């Protein structure tokens, strides 16, 4: 799978692509057409790997992406396919690198509400948590999730359908956390108490907001690749 691409995945604006086939993360500063930086997974010997997805099953198990994506400060799309376990650590993180000082971003479980997730982004002075960023995943079931920040709007899509939305969201720039790389299966800078339990098969980040046609294309790719 050249550069982690497969089938008809969207490349316009792609800045982070998790490639489970070749066990690499790819990042780009030029729209995703040529993904120039490659990072081998860390901790991969401890991860359970099966047919194109990774199982995150215990504390201390996550993927260090090798980058904190310093250019990801404005509009974005998070696009991933996950199957959460029936139990989770409190504040379990699917993804992120958030830290004190209102830095970075995270997809985080809402305290001890199992598999009820939300998204936060730090601006250096506050955490932004749009109402449209809250979503629930069914335990032991694969779900395709898309989260979009578009100017002052935020949207969440589950399995191709609009799940939540919010307007009037702060357009302040995100302050990247330069002291911690983005993690998949974790998201808190200080320790491993929030490690995610479950499976992740697909994770991509774009530096632009998806259109309706992008959402449909990604959902159709997931259906074709994984049989959603």
Protein backbone atom coordinates (compact mmCIF):
# COMPACT_ATOMS: atom_id res chain seq x y z
CA UNK A 1 0.00 0.00 0.00
CA UNK A 2 2.05 2.93 -1.26
CA UNK A 3 2.36 5.70 1.33
CA UNK A 4 -0.51 4.25 3.27
CA UNK A 5 -3.03 4.96 0.52
CA UNK A 6 -5.68 2.46 -0.40
CA UNK A 7 -8.72 2.48 -2.65
CA UNK A 8 -10.23 5.91 -3.11
CA UNK A 9 -9.26 7.64 0.11
CA UNK A 10 -9.42 11.43 0.06
CA UNK A 11 -6.00 13.07 -0.31
CA UNK A 12 -6.94 16.76 -0.61
CA UNK A 13 -5.76 18.37 2.63
CA UNK A 14 -4.57 15.10 4.14
CA UNK A 15 -1.91 15.86 6.76
CA UNK A 16 -1.95 12.70 8.84
CA UNK A 17 -2.57 9.15 7.69
CA UNK A 18 -2.33 6.13 9.95
CA UNK A 19 -1.28 3.13 7.86
CA UNK A 20 -1.89 -0.12 9.71
CA UNK A 21 -0.71 -2.24 6.79
CA UNK A 22 2.84 -0.86 6.75
CA UNK A 23 2.80 0.22 10.41
CA UNK A 24 3.68 3.81 9.65
CA UNK A 25 2.28 7.29 10.22
CA UNK A 26 2.51 9.73 7.33
CA UNK A 27 2.33 13.50 7.51
CA UNK A 28 2.54 16.23 4.92
CA UNK A 29 2.75 19.97 4.58
CA UNK A 30 1.60 20.10 0.99
CA UNK A 31 -2.00 18.99 0.82
CA UNK A 32 -1.43 15.27 1.18
CA UNK A 33 -0.44 14.65 -2.41
CA UNK A 34 3.09 13.74 -1.37
CA UNK A 35 3.29 12.48 2.17
CA UNK A 36 6.88 13.25 2.92
CA UNK A 37 7.45 12.24 6.54
CA UNK A 38 7.20 8.66 7.73
CA UNK A 39 7.22 7.58 11.36
CA UNK A 40 7.36 3.93 12.44
CA UNK A 41 4.92 3.05 15.19
CA UNK A 42 6.34 2.88 18.69
CA UNK A 43 5.11 0.14 20.98
CA UNK A 44 3.92 -1.86 18.00
CA UNK A 45 5.37 -5.10 19.38
CA UNK A 46 2.96 -4.81 22.29
CA UNK A 47 -0.09 -4.03 20.16
CA UNK A 48 -2.40 -6.74 18.94
CA UNK A 49 -2.46 -6.46 15.15
CA UNK A 50 -5.09 -8.24 13.06
CA UNK A 51 -5.99 -7.79 9.37
CA UNK A 52 -5.57 -4.04 9.09
CA UNK A 53 -6.53 -2.84 12.55
CA UNK A 54 -4.90 -2.41 15.92
CA UNK A 55 -6.28 -3.53 19.28
CA UNK A 56 -5.58 -1.28 22.25
CA UNK A 57 -6.22 -3.39 25.28
CA UNK A 58 -4.30 -2.20 28.34
CA UNK A 59 -2.51 0.66 30.03
CA UNK A 60 0.80 1.73 28.48
CA UNK A 61 -0.35 0.68 24.99
CA UNK A 62 -0.73 3.36 22.34
CA UNK A 63 0.87 4.67 19.13
CA UNK A 64 3.16 7.70 19.17
CA UNK A 65 2.64 9.40 15.81
CA UNK A 66 6.07 11.04 15.68
CA UNK A 67 4.62 14.54 15.18
CA UNK A 68 2.50 17.08 17.02
CA UNK A 69 1.20 18.57 13.72
CA UNK A 70 2.24 22.18 14.40
CA UNK A 71 0.34 23.48 11.37
CA UNK A 72 -3.04 22.14 12.46
CA UNK A 73 -4.44 25.32 14.04
CA UNK A 74 -7.63 26.16 12.13
CA UNK A 75 -10.25 24.20 10.21
CA UNK A 76 -9.85 20.44 10.22
CA UNK A 77 -11.52 17.07 9.72
CA UNK A 78 -10.90 14.00 11.88
CA UNK A 79 -11.93 10.79 10.11
CA UNK A 80 -11.64 7.42 11.85
CA UNK A 81 -13.12 3.93 12.24
CA UNK A 82 -13.20 2.42 15.73
CA UNK A 83 -14.73 -0.35 17.83
CA UNK A 84 -14.63 0.53 21.55
CA UNK A 85 -14.55 -2.11 24.24
CA UNK A 86 -17.29 -2.55 26.82
CA UNK A 87 -15.10 -1.14 29.59
CA UNK A 88 -12.94 1.99 29.49
CA UNK A 89 -10.59 3.88 31.73
CA UNK A 90 -12.01 7.12 33.12
CA UNK A 91 -11.43 9.88 30.54
CA UNK A 92 -10.33 7.27 27.98
CA UNK A 93 -8.72 8.96 24.97
CA UNK A 94 -9.11 7.71 21.41
CA UNK A 95 -6.65 10.30 20.14
CA UNK A 96 -4.85 13.44 21.25
CA UNK A 97 -1.98 15.25 22.92
CA UNK A 98 -3.70 17.71 25.25
CA UNK A 99 -1.87 19.17 28.23
CA UNK A 100 -2.15 21.78 30.97
CA UNK A 101 -1.88 25.29 29.62
CA UNK A 102 -4.78 24.67 27.21
CA UNK A 103 -2.58 23.08 24.56
CA UNK A 104 -3.28 20.45 21.95
CA UNK A 105 -6.47 18.48 21.29
CA UNK A 106 -8.20 15.28 22.31
CA UNK A 107 -11.12 12.92 21.69
CA UNK A 108 -11.96 11.96 25.25
CA UNK A 109 -14.54 9.93 27.13
CA UNK A 110 -16.83 12.07 29.28
CA UNK A 111 -15.38 11.11 32.67
CA UNK A 112 -16.72 7.65 33.60
CA UNK A 113 -19.63 7.63 31.11
CA UNK A 114 -18.52 4.57 29.17
CA UNK A 115 -18.05 5.25 25.44
CA UNK A 116 -19.63 8.72 25.58
CA UNK A 117 -17.00 10.86 23.85
CA UNK A 118 -16.32 14.49 23.15
CA UNK A 119 -13.67 16.65 21.52
CA UNK A 120 -11.61 19.43 23.08
CA UNK A 121 -9.11 21.82 21.53
CA UNK A 122 -6.89 24.24 23.44
CA UNK A 123 -6.29 27.84 22.42
CA UNK A 124 -3.67 28.71 25.05
CA UNK A 125 -6.29 30.44 27.21
CA UNK A 126 -9.25 28.04 27.26
CA UNK A 127 -10.59 24.66 26.13
CA UNK A 128 -13.11 24.73 23.30
CA UNK A 129 -15.71 21.95 23.47
CA UNK A 130 -18.42 22.56 20.85
CA UNK A 131 -21.84 21.01 21.51
CA UNK A 132 -21.62 19.25 18.15
CA UNK A 133 -18.46 17.45 19.28
CA UNK A 134 -20.28 15.09 21.64
CA UNK A 135 -21.09 11.56 20.46
CA UNK A 136 -21.73 8.04 21.77
CA UNK A 137 -20.24 4.84 20.36
CA UNK A 138 -21.71 1.37 20.83
CA UNK A 139 -19.42 -1.08 22.60
CA UNK A 140 -18.03 -3.91 20.46
CA UNK A 141 -19.47 -2.38 17.27
CA UNK A 142 -17.45 -0.70 14.51
CA UNK A 143 -18.41 2.94 13.88
CA UNK A 144 -17.20 5.42 11.29
CA UNK A 145 -16.75 8.86 12.86
CA UNK A 146 -16.10 12.21 11.19
CA UNK A 147 -15.59 15.41 13.22
CA UNK A 148 -15.38 18.71 11.34
CA UNK A 149 -14.42 22.23 12.38
CA UNK A 150 -15.45 24.74 9.72
CA UNK A 151 -15.01 28.34 10.79
CA UNK A 152 -17.47 28.93 13.64
CA UNK A 153 -19.32 25.65 12.97
CA UNK A 154 -18.69 22.13 14.24
CA UNK A 155 -20.22 18.87 13.00
CA UNK A 156 -20.10 15.22 13.94
CA UNK A 157 -21.11 12.36 11.63
CA UNK A 158 -21.58 8.73 12.61
CA UNK A 159 -21.75 6.14 9.83
CA UNK A 160 -22.37 8.81 7.21
CA UNK A 161 -25.27 10.54 9.00
CA UNK A 162 -25.19 13.89 10.80
CA UNK A 163 -25.04 13.21 14.54
CA UNK A 164 -24.56 16.68 16.04
CA UNK A 165 -23.78 20.26 15.08
CA UNK A 166 -23.00 23.58 16.70
CA UNK A 167 -22.75 27.14 15.42
CA UNK A 168 -21.04 30.12 16.99
CA UNK A 169 -17.95 28.08 17.87
CA UNK A 170 -14.84 30.08 18.70
CA UNK A 171 -12.59 30.57 15.68
CA UNK A 172 -9.50 31.05 17.84
CA UNK A 173 -6.44 29.19 16.62
CA UNK A 174 -5.58 25.90 18.24
CA UNK A 175 -2.32 26.00 20.20
CA UNK A 176 -0.40 22.84 19.25
CA UNK A 177 1.32 21.02 22.10
CA UNK A 178 4.94 20.99 21.04
CA UNK A 179 6.01 18.96 24.07
CA UNK A 180 4.02 15.81 23.17
CA UNK A 181 3.41 14.07 19.86
CA UNK A 182 -0.11 13.13 18.86
CA UNK A 183 -1.07 9.71 20.17
CA UNK A 184 -3.56 7.14 18.91
CA UNK A 185 -5.07 5.16 21.77
CA UNK A 186 -4.09 7.83 24.30
CA UNK A 187 -4.34 11.59 24.48
CA UNK A 188 -3.12 12.95 27.80
CA UNK A 189 0.43 14.19 28.09
CA UNK A 190 0.91 13.15 31.70
CA UNK A 191 0.85 9.37 31.94
CA UNK A 192 -1.18 6.43 30.68
CA UNK A 193 -4.24 6.45 32.95
CA UNK A 194 -6.53 7.41 30.04
CA UNK A 195 -5.54 4.79 27.49
CA UNK A 196 -8.35 3.68 25.15
CA UNK A 197 -9.60 0.07 25.14
CA UNK A 198 -10.81 -1.17 21.76
CA UNK A 199 -9.88 -1.40 18.10
CA UNK A 200 -8.98 1.29 15.55
CA UNK A 201 -8.73 0.50 11.84
CA UNK A 202 -8.51 3.87 10.13
CA UNK A 203 -7.43 7.33 11.28
CA UNK A 204 -6.88 10.36 9.09
CA UNK A 205 -6.61 14.10 9.73
CA UNK A 206 -7.19 16.87 7.18
CA UNK A 207 -6.37 20.57 7.43
CA UNK A 208 -9.69 21.57 5.89
CA UNK A 209 -13.39 21.00 6.47
CA UNK A 210 -14.97 18.12 4.57
CA UNK A 211 -17.77 18.88 2.15
CA UNK A 212 -20.91 16.73 1.96
CA UNK A 213 -19.42 14.87 -1.00
CA UNK A 214 -16.21 14.21 0.99
CA UNK A 215 -18.26 12.74 3.84
CA UNK A 216 -20.10 10.43 1.46
CA UNK A 217 -16.88 9.40 -0.29
CA UNK A 218 -15.15 8.53 2.97
CA UNK A 219 -18.17 6.59 4.23
CA UNK A 220 -18.36 4.63 0.97
CA UNK A 221 -14.64 3.86 1.23
CA UNK A 222 -15.14 2.49 4.75
CA UNK A 223 -18.08 0.37 3.60
CA UNK A 224 -16.08 -1.01 0.70
CA UNK A 225 -12.89 -1.62 2.68
CA UNK A 226 -14.30 -2.89 5.96
CA UNK A 227 -17.86 -3.95 5.13
CA UNK A 228 -19.61 -1.47 7.41
